[in-house]
Amino acid sequence: MYDNLFFDADGTLFDFMSGERWALKRVFSHLNIGVTEKALECYSQINNAVWLNFEQGLITIEDLKVERFRRFHQKYAIDSPPEESAKAYEEELSRSFHLYADALPILEHLSKSGIALTLITNGISAVQRGRLVATKTLHYFSAIVISEEIGVQKPNRAFFDKALEMASPTKKPLVIGDSLTSDIAGANNAGLDSCWVNRYKMVNTEGIKTTYEITSLEELLPLIENFN
């Protein structure tokens, strides 16, 4: 049934929270900010809000890169330009190597099974491509679709249309991701089946329809093997 799997990156394969903290600790040290849970959580909340604005088409990716640090600098009364923090953060994050423990085994298993794998991400191009190298996962994907490179982001249907064009599946692919508002809503917009990776057992308060729901990538295998 599925000859191509469209994998989201952050929160699905990449352990973004660990990578984010790893990169932020290095940026904070340059800013002489104490690496506290309060500071890390403050940035994370700001970052999530700005990314949601991006998904909604309210802000460009270029503005996003700096806006999250502009708000953070304002919150902590930091005098240095937010552009400098944004650049330092991108450089650090692009070197992050943090994957979920189940990511590599699943990618290896699927790769050996002959199913084509496509990466679909709203992430920043330099960051995501750097992390694919750092995590040694680049070779698993026959196509890599990054919103910054194609000029449109999930959940816009045009993103998935472009992904279908780039991946050229012969059958309908399965979209696998952790974000209801980005991955799953986008799959719905494109008329594709979806698998919600609900690692933290969140409640679907959005009412967004999912084809499947799993809490770990290991649970994906029976779904795929039952249809192939």
C-alpha atoms as a PDB file:
ATOM      1  CA  MET A   1       0.000   0.000   0.000  1.00  0.00           C
ATOM      2  CA  TYR A   2       2.833   2.406   0.802  1.00  0.00           C
ATOM      3  CA  ASP A   3       5.998   2.481  -1.272  1.00  0.00           C
ATOM      4  CA  ASN A   4       7.244   5.755   0.159  1.00  0.00           C
ATOM      5  CA  LEU A   5       7.245   7.079   3.708  1.00  0.00           C
ATOM      6  CA  PHE A   6       7.306  10.846   4.260  1.00  0.00           C
ATOM      7  CA  PHE A   7       9.104  11.370   7.581  1.00  0.00           C
ATOM      8  CA  ASP A   8       9.022  14.634   9.480  1.00  0.00           C
ATOM      9  CA  ALA A   9      12.338  15.515  11.154  1.00  0.00           C
ATOM     10  CA  ASP A  10      11.991  17.355  14.480  1.00  0.00           C
ATOM     11  CA  GLY A  11      10.003  15.541  17.137  1.00  0.00           C
ATOM     12  CA  THR A  12       9.744  12.476  14.915  1.00  0.00           C
ATOM     13  CA  LEU A  13      13.306  11.394  14.141  1.00  0.00           C
ATOM     14  CA  PHE A  14      15.397  14.192  15.617  1.00  0.00           C
ATOM     15  CA  ASP A  15      15.116  14.732  19.374  1.00  0.00           C
ATOM     16  CA  PHE A  16      14.639  18.446  18.929  1.00  0.00           C
ATOM     17  CA  MET A  17      14.258  19.318  22.602  1.00  0.00           C
ATOM     18  CA  SER A  18      17.624  17.741  23.449  1.00  0.00           C
ATOM     19  CA  GLY A  19      19.290  19.319  20.429  1.00  0.00           C
ATOM     20  CA  GLU A  20      17.767  22.700  21.194  1.00  0.00           C
ATOM     21  CA  ARG A  21      19.013  22.655  24.775  1.00  0.00           C
ATOM     22  CA  TRP A  22      22.458  21.513  23.673  1.00  0.00           C
ATOM     23  CA  ALA A  23      22.727  24.421  21.220  1.00  0.00           C
ATOM     24  CA  LEU A  24      21.156  27.004  23.536  1.00  0.00           C
ATOM     25  CA  LYS A  25      23.576  26.247  26.362  1.00  0.00           C
ATOM     26  CA  ARG A  26      26.407  27.211  24.051  1.00  0.00           C
ATOM     27  CA  VAL A  27      24.668  30.384  22.895  1.00  0.00           C
ATOM     28  CA  PHE A  28      23.757  31.364  26.443  1.00  0.00           C
ATOM     29  CA  SER A  29      27.377  31.031  27.514  1.00  0.00           C
ATOM     30  CA  HIS A  30      28.346  33.585  24.856  1.00  0.00           C
ATOM     31  CA  LEU A  31      25.613  35.928  26.128  1.00  0.00           C
ATOM     32  CA  ASN A  32      26.671  35.457  29.747  1.00  0.00           C
ATOM     33  CA  ILE A  33      23.217  34.169  30.642  1.00  0.00           C
ATOM     34  CA  GLY A  34      22.916  31.506  33.292  1.00  0.00           C
ATOM     35  CA  VAL A  35      21.873  28.181  31.805  1.00  0.00           C
ATOM     36  CA  THR A  36      18.752  27.726  33.917  1.00  0.00           C
ATOM     37  CA  GLU A  37      15.570  25.762  33.328  1.00  0.00           C
ATOM     38  CA  LYS A  38      13.663  29.064  33.420  1.00  0.00           C
ATOM     39  CA  ALA A  39      15.763  30.574  30.612  1.00  0.00           C
ATOM     40  CA  LEU A  40      15.601  27.421  28.501  1.00  0.00           C
ATOM     41  CA  GLU A  41      11.829  27.144  28.933  1.00  0.00           C
ATOM     42  CA  CYS A  42      11.367  30.834  28.154  1.00  0.00           C
ATOM     43  CA  TYR A  43      13.179  30.488  24.847  1.00  0.00           C
ATOM     44  CA  SER A  44      11.324  27.278  24.003  1.00  0.00           C
ATOM     45  CA  GLN A  45       7.937  28.934  24.523  1.00  0.00           C
ATOM     46  CA  ILE A  46       8.944  31.903  22.389  1.00  0.00           C
ATOM     47  CA  ASN A  47      10.317  29.620  19.684  1.00  0.00           C
ATOM     48  CA  ASN A  48       7.151  27.489  19.562  1.00  0.00           C
ATOM     49  CA  ALA A  49       4.980  30.599  19.233  1.00  0.00           C
ATOM     50  CA  VAL A  50       7.085  32.005  16.387  1.00  0.00           C
ATOM     51  CA  TRP A  51       7.112  28.657  14.536  1.00  0.00           C
ATOM     52  CA  LEU A  52       3.317  28.491  14.823  1.00  0.00           C
ATOM     53  CA  ASN A  53       3.166  31.965  13.265  1.00  0.00           C
ATOM     54  CA  PHE A  54       5.343  30.615  10.444  1.00  0.00           C
ATOM     55  CA  GLU A  55       3.059  27.618   9.872  1.00  0.00           C
ATOM     56  CA  GLN A  56       0.137  30.042   9.698  1.00  0.00           C
ATOM     57  CA  GLY A  57       1.911  32.117   7.067  1.00  0.00           C
ATOM     58  CA  LEU A  58       2.178  35.155   9.345  1.00  0.00           C
ATOM     59  CA  ILE A  59       5.961  35.398   9.267  1.00  0.00           C
ATOM     60  CA  THR A  60       8.700  34.476   6.802  1.00  0.00           C
ATOM     61  CA  ILE A  61      11.461  32.000   7.596  1.00  0.00           C
ATOM     62  CA  GLU A  62      14.052  34.780   7.434  1.00  0.00           C
ATOM     63  CA  ASP A  63      12.113  36.862   9.955  1.00  0.00           C
ATOM     64  CA  LEU A  64      11.575  33.788  12.141  1.00  0.00           C
ATOM     65  CA  LYS A  65      15.318  33.209  12.518  1.00  0.00           C
ATOM     66  CA  VAL A  66      15.793  36.564  14.237  1.00  0.00           C
ATOM     67  CA  GLU A  67      12.351  37.237  15.720  1.00  0.00           C
ATOM     68  CA  ARG A  68      12.589  34.469  18.321  1.00  0.00           C
ATOM     69  CA  PHE A  69      15.867  35.927  19.595  1.00  0.00           C
ATOM     70  CA  ARG A  70      14.591  39.475  19.396  1.00  0.00           C
ATOM     71  CA  ARG A  71      11.799  38.505  21.797  1.00  0.00           C
ATOM     72  CA  PHE A  72      14.197  36.562  24.007  1.00  0.00           C
ATOM     73  CA  HIS A  73      16.685  39.438  24.150  1.00  0.00           C
ATOM     74  CA  GLN A  74      13.857  41.788  25.066  1.00  0.00           C
ATOM     75  CA  LYS A  75      12.695  39.462  27.843  1.00  0.00           C
ATOM     76  CA  TYR A  76      16.183  39.265  29.360  1.00  0.00           C
ATOM     77  CA  ALA A  77      17.244  42.860  28.532  1.00  0.00           C
ATOM     78  CA  ILE A  78      20.174  41.663  26.412  1.00  0.00           C
ATOM     79  CA  ASP A  79      21.955  44.505  24.601  1.00  0.00           C
ATOM     80  CA  SER A  80      23.706  42.535  21.851  1.00  0.00           C
ATOM     81  CA  PRO A  81      22.020  42.281  18.415  1.00  0.00           C
ATOM     82  CA  PRO A  82      19.584  39.350  18.154  1.00  0.00           C
ATOM     83  CA  GLU A  83      20.998  38.681  14.687  1.00  0.00           C
ATOM     84  CA  GLU A  84      24.267  37.561  16.305  1.00  0.00           C
ATOM     85  CA  SER A  85      22.462  35.124  18.614  1.00  0.00           C
ATOM     86  CA  ALA A  86      20.386  33.816  15.707  1.00  0.00           C
ATOM     87  CA  LYS A  87      23.502  33.099  13.642  1.00  0.00           C
ATOM     88  CA  ALA A  88      25.318  31.442  16.559  1.00  0.00           C
ATOM     89  CA  TYR A  89      22.293  29.298  17.358  1.00  0.00           C
ATOM     90  CA  GLU A  90      21.908  28.069  13.773  1.00  0.00           C
ATOM     91  CA  GLU A  91      25.576  27.133  13.659  1.00  0.00           C
ATOM     92  CA  GLU A  92      25.387  25.223  16.939  1.00  0.00           C
ATOM     93  CA  LEU A  93      22.092  23.483  16.113  1.00  0.00           C
ATOM     94  CA  SER A  94      23.371  22.394  12.709  1.00  0.00           C
ATOM     95  CA  ARG A  95      26.009  20.357  14.558  1.00  0.00           C
ATOM     96  CA  SER A  96      23.561  18.698  16.958  1.00  0.00           C
ATOM     97  CA  PHE A  97      23.531  14.915  16.816  1.00  0.00           C
ATOM     98  CA  HIS A  98      20.445  14.142  18.882  1.00  0.00           C
ATOM     99  CA  LEU A  99      18.136  11.407  17.592  1.00  0.00           C
ATOM    100  CA  TYR A 100      15.432   9.458  19.384  1.00  0.00           C
ATOM    101  CA  ALA A 101      16.683   6.016  20.364  1.00  0.00           C
ATOM    102  CA  ASP A 102      14.225   4.326  18.003  1.00  0.00           C
ATOM    103  CA  ALA A 103      15.106   6.435  14.948  1.00  0.00           C
ATOM    104  CA  LEU A 104      18.214   4.713  13.588  1.00  0.00           C
ATOM    105  CA  PRO A 105      16.930   1.136  14.017  1.00  0.00           C
ATOM    106  CA  ILE A 106      13.710   2.011  12.190  1.00  0.00           C
ATOM    107  CA  LEU A 107      15.465   3.875   9.381  1.00  0.00           C
ATOM    108  CA  GLU A 108      17.884   0.972   8.939  1.00  0.00           C
ATOM    109  CA  HIS A 109      15.103  -1.616   8.933  1.00  0.00           C
ATOM    110  CA  LEU A 110      12.958   0.316   6.471  1.00  0.00           C
ATOM    111  CA  SER A 111      15.906   1.040   4.229  1.00  0.00           C
ATOM    112  CA  LYS A 112      16.726  -2.671   3.986  1.00  0.00           C
ATOM    113  CA  SER A 113      13.067  -3.466   3.270  1.00  0.00           C
ATOM    114  CA  GLY A 114      13.217  -1.477   0.046  1.00  0.00           C
ATOM    115  CA  ILE A 115      10.649   1.189   0.993  1.00  0.00           C
ATOM    116  CA  ALA A 116      11.724   4.632  -0.188  1.00  0.00           C
ATOM    117  CA  LEU A 117      12.088   7.268   2.529  1.00  0.00           C
ATOM    118  CA  THR A 118      11.560  10.993   2.091  1.00  0.00           C
ATOM    119  CA  LEU A 119      12.354  13.684   4.665  1.00  0.00           C
ATOM    120  CA  ILE A 120       9.820  16.513   4.894  1.00  0.00           C
ATOM    121  CA  THR A 121      10.640  19.418   7.187  1.00  0.00           C
ATOM    122  CA  ASN A 122       9.775  23.023   7.883  1.00  0.00           C
ATOM    123  CA  GLY A 123      13.231  23.463   9.396  1.00  0.00           C
ATOM    124  CA  ILE A 124      15.936  25.855   8.280  1.00  0.00           C
ATOM    125  CA  SER A 125      17.927  24.428   5.367  1.00  0.00           C
ATOM    126  CA  ALA A 126      21.471  24.846   6.744  1.00  0.00           C
ATOM    127  CA  VAL A 127      20.414  23.496  10.127  1.00  0.00           C
ATOM    128  CA  GLN A 128      18.572  20.447   8.832  1.00  0.00           C
ATOM    129  CA  ARG A 129      21.199  19.471   6.299  1.00  0.00           C
ATOM    130  CA  GLY A 130      23.895  19.864   8.925  1.00  0.00           C
ATOM    131  CA  ARG A 131      21.999  17.649  11.346  1.00  0.00           C
ATOM    132  CA  LEU A 132      21.479  14.967   8.702  1.00  0.00           C
ATOM    133  CA  VAL A 133      25.258  14.790   8.410  1.00  0.00           C
ATOM    134  CA  ALA A 134      25.832  14.986  12.188  1.00  0.00           C
ATOM    135  CA  THR A 135      23.346  12.160  12.834  1.00  0.00           C
ATOM    136  CA  LYS A 136      24.624  10.090   9.886  1.00  0.00           C
ATOM    137  CA  THR A 137      21.102   9.715   8.499  1.00  0.00           C
ATOM    138  CA  LEU A 138      21.448  11.520   5.169  1.00  0.00           C
ATOM    139  CA  HIS A 139      21.927   8.340   3.145  1.00  0.00           C
ATOM    140  CA  TYR A 140      18.581   6.887   4.217  1.00  0.00           C
ATOM    141  CA  PHE A 141      16.540   9.428   2.246  1.00  0.00           C
ATOM    142  CA  SER A 142      15.992   9.360  -1.495  1.00  0.00           C
ATOM    143  CA  ALA A 143      14.453  12.841  -1.374  1.00  0.00           C
ATOM    144  CA  ILE A 144      14.779  15.714   1.090  1.00  0.00           C
ATOM    145  CA  VAL A 145      12.088  18.381   1.092  1.00  0.00           C
ATOM    146  CA  ILE A 146      12.847  21.509   3.146  1.00  0.00           C
ATOM    147  CA  SER A 147      10.363  24.372   3.277  1.00  0.00           C
ATOM    148  CA  GLU A 148      13.037  27.072   3.051  1.00  0.00           C
ATOM    149  CA  GLU A 149      14.348  25.533  -0.163  1.00  0.00           C
ATOM    150  CA  ILE A 150      11.005  25.100  -1.926  1.00  0.00           C
ATOM    151  CA  GLY A 151       9.400  28.340  -0.701  1.00  0.00           C
ATOM    152  CA  VAL A 152       6.336  26.888   0.997  1.00  0.00           C
ATOM    153  CA  GLN A 153       5.781  25.228   4.361  1.00  0.00           C
ATOM    154  CA  LYS A 154       3.648  22.530   5.946  1.00  0.00           C
ATOM    155  CA  PRO A 155       0.656  22.340   6.318  1.00  0.00           C
ATOM    156  CA  ASN A 156       0.176  24.073   2.966  1.00  0.00           C
ATOM    157  CA  ARG A 157      -0.926  21.609   0.324  1.00  0.00           C
ATOM    158  CA  ALA A 158       1.621  23.074  -2.077  1.00  0.00           C
ATOM    159  CA  PHE A 159       4.392  21.734   0.174  1.00  0.00           C
ATOM    160  CA  PHE A 160       3.082  18.194  -0.208  1.00  0.00           C
ATOM    161  CA  ASP A 161       2.485  18.627  -3.921  1.00  0.00           C
ATOM    162  CA  LYS A 162       6.152  19.559  -4.268  1.00  0.00           C
ATOM    163  CA  ALA A 163       7.175  16.629  -2.049  1.00  0.00           C
ATOM    164  CA  LEU A 164       5.200  14.256  -4.268  1.00  0.00           C
ATOM    165  CA  GLU A 165       6.879  15.722  -7.326  1.00  0.00           C
ATOM    166  CA  MET A 166      10.360  15.323  -5.800  1.00  0.00           C
ATOM    167  CA  ALA A 167       9.833  11.834  -4.363  1.00  0.00           C
ATOM    168  CA  SER A 168       7.825  10.481  -7.317  1.00  0.00           C
ATOM    169  CA  PRO A 169       6.116   7.638  -5.425  1.00  0.00           C
ATOM    170  CA  THR A 170       4.221   5.120  -7.540  1.00  0.00           C
ATOM    171  CA  LYS A 171       1.621   4.736  -4.797  1.00  0.00           C
ATOM    172  CA  LYS A 172       0.142   7.036  -2.189  1.00  0.00           C
ATOM    173  CA  PRO A 173       2.788   7.716   0.511  1.00  0.00           C
ATOM    174  CA  LEU A 174       2.273   7.753   4.266  1.00  0.00           C
ATOM    175  CA  VAL A 175       3.044  10.986   6.132  1.00  0.00           C
ATOM    176  CA  ILE A 176       4.659  10.347   9.525  1.00  0.00           C
ATOM    177  CA  GLY A 177       5.053  13.186  11.993  1.00  0.00           C
ATOM    178  CA  ASP A 178       4.579  14.504  15.500  1.00  0.00           C
ATOM    179  CA  SER A 179       2.789  17.768  14.746  1.00  0.00           C
ATOM    180  CA  LEU A 180      -0.969  17.704  14.333  1.00  0.00           C
ATOM    181  CA  THR A 181      -1.085  21.260  12.972  1.00  0.00           C
ATOM    182  CA  SER A 182       1.801  20.800  10.549  1.00  0.00           C
ATOM    183  CA  ASP A 183       2.310  17.168   9.508  1.00  0.00           C
ATOM    184  CA  ILE A 184      -1.114  15.656  10.048  1.00  0.00           C
ATOM    185  CA  ALA A 185      -3.179  18.659   8.957  1.00  0.00           C
ATOM    186  CA  GLY A 186      -0.906  18.946   5.927  1.00  0.00           C
ATOM    187  CA  ALA A 187      -1.451  15.320   5.030  1.00  0.00           C
ATOM    188  CA  ASN A 188      -5.185  15.866   5.272  1.00  0.00           C
ATOM    189  CA  ASN A 189      -4.923  18.941   3.051  1.00  0.00           C
ATOM    190  CA  ALA A 190      -3.127  16.836   0.434  1.00  0.00           C
ATOM    191  CA  GLY A 191      -5.443  13.841   0.709  1.00  0.00           C
ATOM    192  CA  LEU A 192      -2.695  11.580   2.096  1.00  0.00           C
ATOM    193  CA  ASP A 193      -2.765   9.018   4.898  1.00  0.00           C
ATOM    194  CA  SER A 194      -1.043  10.071   8.092  1.00  0.00           C
ATOM    195  CA  CYS A 195       0.569   8.544  11.156  1.00  0.00           C
ATOM    196  CA  TRP A 196       0.717  10.737  14.246  1.00  0.00           C
ATOM    197  CA  VAL A 197       3.829  10.015  16.330  1.00  0.00           C
ATOM    198  CA  ASN A 198       2.417  10.908  19.735  1.00  0.00           C
ATOM    199  CA  ARG A 199       5.488  10.215  21.877  1.00  0.00           C
ATOM    200  CA  TYR A 200       4.210  12.159  24.871  1.00  0.00           C
ATOM    201  CA  LYS A 201       0.651  10.821  24.747  1.00  0.00           C
ATOM    202  CA  MET A 202      -0.935  14.193  24.139  1.00  0.00           C
ATOM    203  CA  VAL A 203      -4.669  14.626  23.675  1.00  0.00           C
ATOM    204  CA  ASN A 204      -5.834  15.572  20.186  1.00  0.00           C
ATOM    205  CA  THR A 205      -7.779  18.651  21.198  1.00  0.00           C
ATOM    206  CA  GLU A 206      -7.519  20.020  17.662  1.00  0.00           C
ATOM    207  CA  GLY A 207      -9.918  17.421  16.310  1.00  0.00           C
ATOM    208  CA  ILE A 208      -7.535  16.775  13.426  1.00  0.00           C
ATOM    209  CA  LYS A 209      -8.158  13.431  11.731  1.00  0.00           C
ATOM    210  CA  THR A 210      -5.325  10.903  11.810  1.00  0.00           C
ATOM    211  CA  THR A 211      -5.156   7.622   9.904  1.00  0.00           C
ATOM    212  CA  TYR A 212      -2.929   5.998  12.537  1.00  0.00           C
ATOM    213  CA  GLU A 213      -1.512   6.982  15.905  1.00  0.00           C
ATOM    214  CA  ILE A 214       1.608   5.530  17.530  1.00  0.00           C
ATOM    215  CA  THR A 215       3.693   6.406  20.587  1.00  0.00           C
ATOM    216  CA  SER A 216       7.028   5.086  19.278  1.00  0.00           C
ATOM    217  CA  LEU A 217       8.491   4.364  15.877  1.00  0.00           C
ATOM    218  CA  GLU A 218       8.614   0.644  16.611  1.00  0.00           C
ATOM    219  CA  GLU A 219       4.823   0.654  16.380  1.00  0.00           C
ATOM    220  CA  LEU A 220       5.134   1.798  12.777  1.00  0.00           C
ATOM    221  CA  LEU A 221       6.520  -1.514  11.519  1.00  0.00           C
ATOM    222  CA  PRO A 222       3.339  -3.618  11.888  1.00  0.00           C
ATOM    223  CA  LEU A 223       1.397  -0.923  10.038  1.00  0.00           C
ATOM    224  CA  ILE A 224       3.843  -0.935   7.141  1.00  0.00           C
ATOM    225  CA  GLU A 225       4.392  -4.683   7.010  1.00  0.00           C
ATOM    226  CA  ASN A 226       0.656  -5.390   7.061  1.00  0.00           C
ATOM    227  CA  PHE A 227       0.256  -3.363   3.867  1.00  0.00           C
ATOM    228  CA  ASN A 228       3.277  -4.531   1.911  1.00  0.00           C
END
